[in-house]
Amino acid sequence: MVLVFKTSVRANDEVKKLRPLLNKLTGRNGQWNFDLEDCDNILRVETKYLEANNITTTLRNQGFYCEELV
């Protein structure tokens, strides 16, 4: 399953800050990436087990806006 989020992450240094947290969340079987070229700074997460609220809570706890796009 692929989850897609609109975020306030705008720079590569912010992505680097989130990398360890997202890697831990997604584990070995998941993948994630940001599209900072998109106006919504899209985060795509490929996962079998995570729910969207796990991702939104993690980013919000780090001070970023994050909303699932449905």
C-alpha atoms as a PDB file:
ATOM      1  CA  MET A   1       0.000   0.000   0.000  1.00  0.00           C
ATOM      2  CA  VAL A   2       1.210   3.512  -0.766  1.00  0.00           C
ATOM      3  CA  LEU A   3       0.336   6.370   1.573  1.00  0.00           C
ATOM      4  CA  VAL A   4       0.660   9.940   0.287  1.00  0.00           C
ATOM      5  CA  PHE A   5       0.963  13.032   2.466  1.00  0.00           C
ATOM      6  CA  LYS A   6       1.081  16.789   2.031  1.00  0.00           C
ATOM      7  CA  THR A   7       3.823  18.168   4.299  1.00  0.00           C
ATOM      8  CA  SER A   8       5.651  21.333   5.299  1.00  0.00           C
ATOM      9  CA  VAL A   9       9.055  19.691   4.766  1.00  0.00           C
ATOM     10  CA  ARG A  10      10.864  21.996   2.339  1.00  0.00           C
ATOM     11  CA  ALA A  11      14.587  21.304   2.473  1.00  0.00           C
ATOM     12  CA  ASN A  12      16.983  18.387   2.265  1.00  0.00           C
ATOM     13  CA  ASP A  13      18.340  19.107   5.744  1.00  0.00           C
ATOM     14  CA  GLU A  14      14.810  18.602   7.100  1.00  0.00           C
ATOM     15  CA  VAL A  15      14.589  15.297   5.251  1.00  0.00           C
ATOM     16  CA  LYS A  16      17.918  14.271   6.840  1.00  0.00           C
ATOM     17  CA  LYS A  17      16.481  15.080  10.260  1.00  0.00           C
ATOM     18  CA  LEU A  18      13.456  12.845   9.581  1.00  0.00           C
ATOM     19  CA  ARG A  19      15.389  10.003   7.910  1.00  0.00           C
ATOM     20  CA  PRO A  20      16.129   7.962  11.075  1.00  0.00           C
ATOM     21  CA  LEU A  21      12.535   8.257  12.282  1.00  0.00           C
ATOM     22  CA  LEU A  22      11.002   7.293   8.941  1.00  0.00           C
ATOM     23  CA  ASN A  23      13.468   4.428   8.488  1.00  0.00           C
ATOM     24  CA  LYS A  24      12.549   3.099  11.913  1.00  0.00           C
ATOM     25  CA  LEU A  25       8.822   3.407  11.181  1.00  0.00           C
ATOM     26  CA  THR A  26       8.935   1.726   7.789  1.00  0.00           C
ATOM     27  CA  GLY A  27      11.441  -0.975   8.721  1.00  0.00           C
ATOM     28  CA  ARG A  28      13.082  -3.242   6.180  1.00  0.00           C
ATOM     29  CA  ASN A  29      10.014  -3.801   4.052  1.00  0.00           C
ATOM     30  CA  GLY A  30       8.942  -0.190   3.655  1.00  0.00           C
ATOM     31  CA  GLN A  31      10.210   2.645   1.522  1.00  0.00           C
ATOM     32  CA  TRP A  32       9.611   6.371   1.611  1.00  0.00           C
ATOM     33  CA  ASN A  33      10.568   9.491  -0.321  1.00  0.00           C
ATOM     34  CA  PHE A  34       9.848  13.193  -0.459  1.00  0.00           C
ATOM     35  CA  ASP A  35       9.053  15.150  -3.609  1.00  0.00           C
ATOM     36  CA  LEU A  36      10.243  18.605  -2.606  1.00  0.00           C
ATOM     37  CA  GLU A  37       9.710  19.856  -6.165  1.00  0.00           C
ATOM     38  CA  ASP A  38       5.947  19.416  -5.724  1.00  0.00           C
ATOM     39  CA  CYS A  39       4.053  22.408  -4.327  1.00  0.00           C
ATOM     40  CA  ASP A  40       2.672  20.177  -1.551  1.00  0.00           C
ATOM     41  CA  ASN A  41       6.099  18.744  -0.582  1.00  0.00           C
ATOM     42  CA  ILE A  42       4.754  15.244  -0.986  1.00  0.00           C
ATOM     43  CA  LEU A  43       5.828  12.335   1.190  1.00  0.00           C
ATOM     44  CA  ARG A  44       5.136   8.875  -0.246  1.00  0.00           C
ATOM     45  CA  VAL A  45       5.387   5.867   2.034  1.00  0.00           C
ATOM     46  CA  GLU A  46       5.217   2.309   0.741  1.00  0.00           C
ATOM     47  CA  THR A  47       4.278  -0.015   3.588  1.00  0.00           C
ATOM     48  CA  LYS A  48       2.393  -3.181   4.411  1.00  0.00           C
ATOM     49  CA  TYR A  49       1.788  -2.458   8.079  1.00  0.00           C
ATOM     50  CA  LEU A  50       1.759   1.251   8.906  1.00  0.00           C
ATOM     51  CA  GLU A  51      -1.326   3.369   9.232  1.00  0.00           C
ATOM     52  CA  ALA A  52      -1.418   6.993   8.118  1.00  0.00           C
ATOM     53  CA  ASN A  53      -1.758   8.314  11.670  1.00  0.00           C
ATOM     54  CA  ASN A  54       1.653   6.806  12.557  1.00  0.00           C
ATOM     55  CA  ILE A  55       3.263   8.976   9.891  1.00  0.00           C
ATOM     56  CA  THR A  56       1.291  12.146  10.620  1.00  0.00           C
ATOM     57  CA  THR A  57       1.950  11.889  14.356  1.00  0.00           C
ATOM     58  CA  THR A  58       5.683  11.352  13.812  1.00  0.00           C
ATOM     59  CA  LEU A  59       6.050  14.399  11.556  1.00  0.00           C
ATOM     60  CA  ARG A  60       3.852  16.590  13.743  1.00  0.00           C
ATOM     61  CA  ASN A  61       5.904  15.646  16.808  1.00  0.00           C
ATOM     62  CA  GLN A  62       8.946  16.961  14.922  1.00  0.00           C
ATOM     63  CA  GLY A  63       7.201  20.267  14.219  1.00  0.00           C
ATOM     64  CA  PHE A  64       6.076  19.624  10.629  1.00  0.00           C
ATOM     65  CA  TYR A  65       2.638  19.854   9.072  1.00  0.00           C
ATOM     66  CA  CYS A  66       1.515  16.514   7.669  1.00  0.00           C
ATOM     67  CA  GLU A  67      -1.858  15.560   6.182  1.00  0.00           C
ATOM     68  CA  GLU A  68      -2.776  12.376   4.348  1.00  0.00           C
ATOM     69  CA  LEU A  69      -4.048  12.916   0.810  1.00  0.00           C
ATOM     70  CA  VAL A  70      -6.938  10.610   0.072  1.00  0.00           C
END
